[in-house]
């Protein structure tokens, strides 16, 4: 009789110890426009959604003309291969989906470097969200 509640408790604890399905990283602006994020994509049965989010102070008492700003994005694989592209972050949104259903060509620890040049006025930092989808 005591074995059943103990087995249920053990099963609950084991499922609670799994990895989170989403990881978020944020870096404050140092004024140089350089940001680097390391994250794991090692689940061979999953795809991933990658989003960016920005902390951007918008002007209150003057015209706000910033519609978007460029992000130079460089992906580095676990083996050191890289891919680079420029995308535009919509300044009116605090968070934007960058890539959906990403299946990595290599499984392991990846790096995404983001360069923002010039940094828009009021940018306090940028973050990245990597959400695993099963």
Protein backbone atom coordinates (compact mmCIF):
# COMPACT_ATOMS: atom_id res chain seq x y z
CA UNK A 1 0.00 0.00 0.00
CA UNK A 2 2.80 2.43 0.79
CA UNK A 3 4.55 1.63 -2.49
CA UNK A 4 1.87 3.22 -4.70
CA UNK A 5 2.05 6.75 -3.17
CA UNK A 6 5.84 6.51 -3.10
CA UNK A 7 5.93 5.51 -6.79
CA UNK A 8 3.59 8.39 -7.69
CA UNK A 9 5.76 10.86 -5.78
CA UNK A 10 8.91 9.55 -7.47
CA UNK A 11 7.29 9.83 -10.93
CA UNK A 12 6.21 13.40 -10.17
CA UNK A 13 9.72 14.36 -9.03
CA UNK A 14 11.35 12.86 -12.11
CA UNK A 15 9.07 14.73 -14.50
CA UNK A 16 9.60 17.98 -12.58
CA UNK A 17 13.37 17.67 -13.03
CA UNK A 18 13.25 17.87 -16.84
CA UNK A 19 14.84 20.69 -18.77
CA UNK A 20 12.74 23.80 -19.33
CA UNK A 21 11.17 24.16 -22.76
CA UNK A 22 12.24 27.80 -23.05
CA UNK A 23 15.40 29.70 -22.19
CA UNK A 24 15.75 33.48 -22.16
CA UNK A 25 18.92 35.56 -22.11
CA UNK A 26 19.25 39.34 -21.87
CA UNK A 27 22.28 41.59 -22.12
CA UNK A 28 22.37 45.23 -21.16
CA UNK A 29 23.74 47.64 -23.71
CA UNK A 30 27.39 48.54 -23.22
CA UNK A 31 27.18 51.09 -26.04
CA UNK A 32 29.27 49.05 -28.47
CA UNK A 33 26.36 47.27 -30.18
CA UNK A 34 27.82 43.80 -29.60
CA UNK A 35 25.76 40.99 -28.02
CA UNK A 36 26.50 37.27 -27.79
CA UNK A 37 24.21 34.45 -26.67
CA UNK A 38 25.07 30.79 -26.06
CA UNK A 39 22.32 28.19 -25.90
CA UNK A 40 21.79 24.48 -26.31
CA UNK A 41 19.98 22.83 -29.20
CA UNK A 42 20.75 19.15 -28.63
CA UNK A 43 17.34 17.46 -28.69
CA UNK A 44 17.23 15.49 -31.96
CA UNK A 45 13.44 15.17 -31.79
CA UNK A 46 12.67 18.89 -31.35
CA UNK A 47 12.49 22.05 -33.38
CA UNK A 48 13.09 25.51 -31.91
CA UNK A 49 11.53 28.95 -32.11
CA UNK A 50 13.98 31.84 -31.74
CA UNK A 51 12.73 35.31 -30.78
CA UNK A 52 14.44 38.60 -30.00
CA UNK A 53 13.25 41.13 -27.46
CA UNK A 54 14.52 44.64 -26.83
CA UNK A 55 14.35 47.10 -23.97
CA UNK A 56 13.93 50.37 -25.81
CA UNK A 57 13.04 53.71 -24.20
CA UNK A 58 10.81 55.57 -26.63
CA UNK A 59 10.83 59.40 -26.63
CA UNK A 60 7.93 61.03 -24.80
CA UNK A 61 8.13 64.66 -25.81
CA UNK A 62 9.54 64.57 -29.33
CA UNK A 63 8.64 62.87 -32.60
CA UNK A 64 9.38 59.15 -32.63
CA UNK A 65 10.58 58.29 -36.13
CA UNK A 66 12.27 54.95 -35.41
CA UNK A 67 10.36 52.23 -37.31
CA UNK A 68 13.01 49.50 -37.24
CA UNK A 69 16.72 48.94 -36.77
CA UNK A 70 19.10 46.41 -38.34
CA UNK A 71 20.49 43.39 -36.52
CA UNK A 72 23.52 41.70 -38.02
CA UNK A 73 23.04 38.10 -36.84
CA UNK A 74 25.82 35.50 -36.92
CA UNK A 75 25.06 31.87 -36.05
CA UNK A 76 27.98 29.68 -34.92
CA UNK A 77 27.51 25.91 -34.85
CA UNK A 78 29.09 23.55 -32.31
CA UNK A 79 31.77 22.65 -34.91
CA UNK A 80 32.57 26.33 -35.66
CA UNK A 81 30.72 26.80 -38.95
CA UNK A 82 28.84 30.08 -39.25
CA UNK A 83 26.01 31.76 -41.10
CA UNK A 84 25.38 35.51 -41.23
CA UNK A 85 22.39 37.62 -42.17
CA UNK A 86 20.86 41.04 -41.55
CA UNK A 87 17.30 41.29 -40.26
CA UNK A 88 15.28 44.30 -39.13
CA UNK A 89 13.82 44.56 -35.65
CA UNK A 90 10.44 46.39 -35.57
CA UNK A 91 10.93 49.12 -32.97
CA UNK A 92 7.23 49.18 -32.07
CA UNK A 93 7.29 45.61 -30.71
CA UNK A 94 8.97 44.59 -27.46
CA UNK A 95 9.37 41.00 -28.75
CA UNK A 96 9.52 39.61 -32.28
CA UNK A 97 9.78 36.10 -33.69
CA UNK A 98 13.07 35.73 -35.56
CA UNK A 99 12.94 32.11 -36.77
CA UNK A 100 10.27 29.43 -36.34
CA UNK A 101 10.66 25.63 -36.35
CA UNK A 102 14.46 25.68 -36.56
CA UNK A 103 15.96 22.19 -36.83
CA UNK A 104 19.71 22.59 -36.33
CA UNK A 105 22.14 21.03 -38.78
CA UNK A 106 24.30 20.06 -35.77
CA UNK A 107 23.14 19.26 -32.29
CA UNK A 108 24.87 20.83 -29.30
CA UNK A 109 25.80 24.28 -28.00
CA UNK A 110 25.20 27.12 -30.46
CA UNK A 111 26.11 30.80 -30.36
CA UNK A 112 24.22 33.71 -31.86
CA UNK A 113 26.08 37.02 -32.05
CA UNK A 114 24.12 40.18 -32.74
CA UNK A 115 25.65 43.47 -33.86
CA UNK A 116 23.54 46.61 -33.86
CA UNK A 117 25.31 49.46 -35.61
CA UNK A 118 24.40 52.13 -34.88
CA UNK A 119 22.48 51.38 -31.72
CA UNK A 120 19.21 53.31 -31.71
CA UNK A 121 18.79 56.01 -29.11
CA UNK A 122 17.22 54.61 -25.95
CA UNK A 123 18.25 50.98 -26.47
CA UNK A 124 18.89 49.51 -23.02
CA UNK A 125 19.68 45.99 -24.21
CA UNK A 126 18.60 43.04 -26.28
CA UNK A 127 17.60 39.51 -25.41
CA UNK A 128 16.92 36.20 -27.07
CA UNK A 129 14.40 33.46 -26.36
CA UNK A 130 14.99 29.88 -27.50
CA UNK A 131 11.83 27.76 -27.13
CA UNK A 132 11.99 24.03 -27.72
CA UNK A 133 9.00 22.51 -29.52
CA UNK A 134 8.39 18.77 -29.38
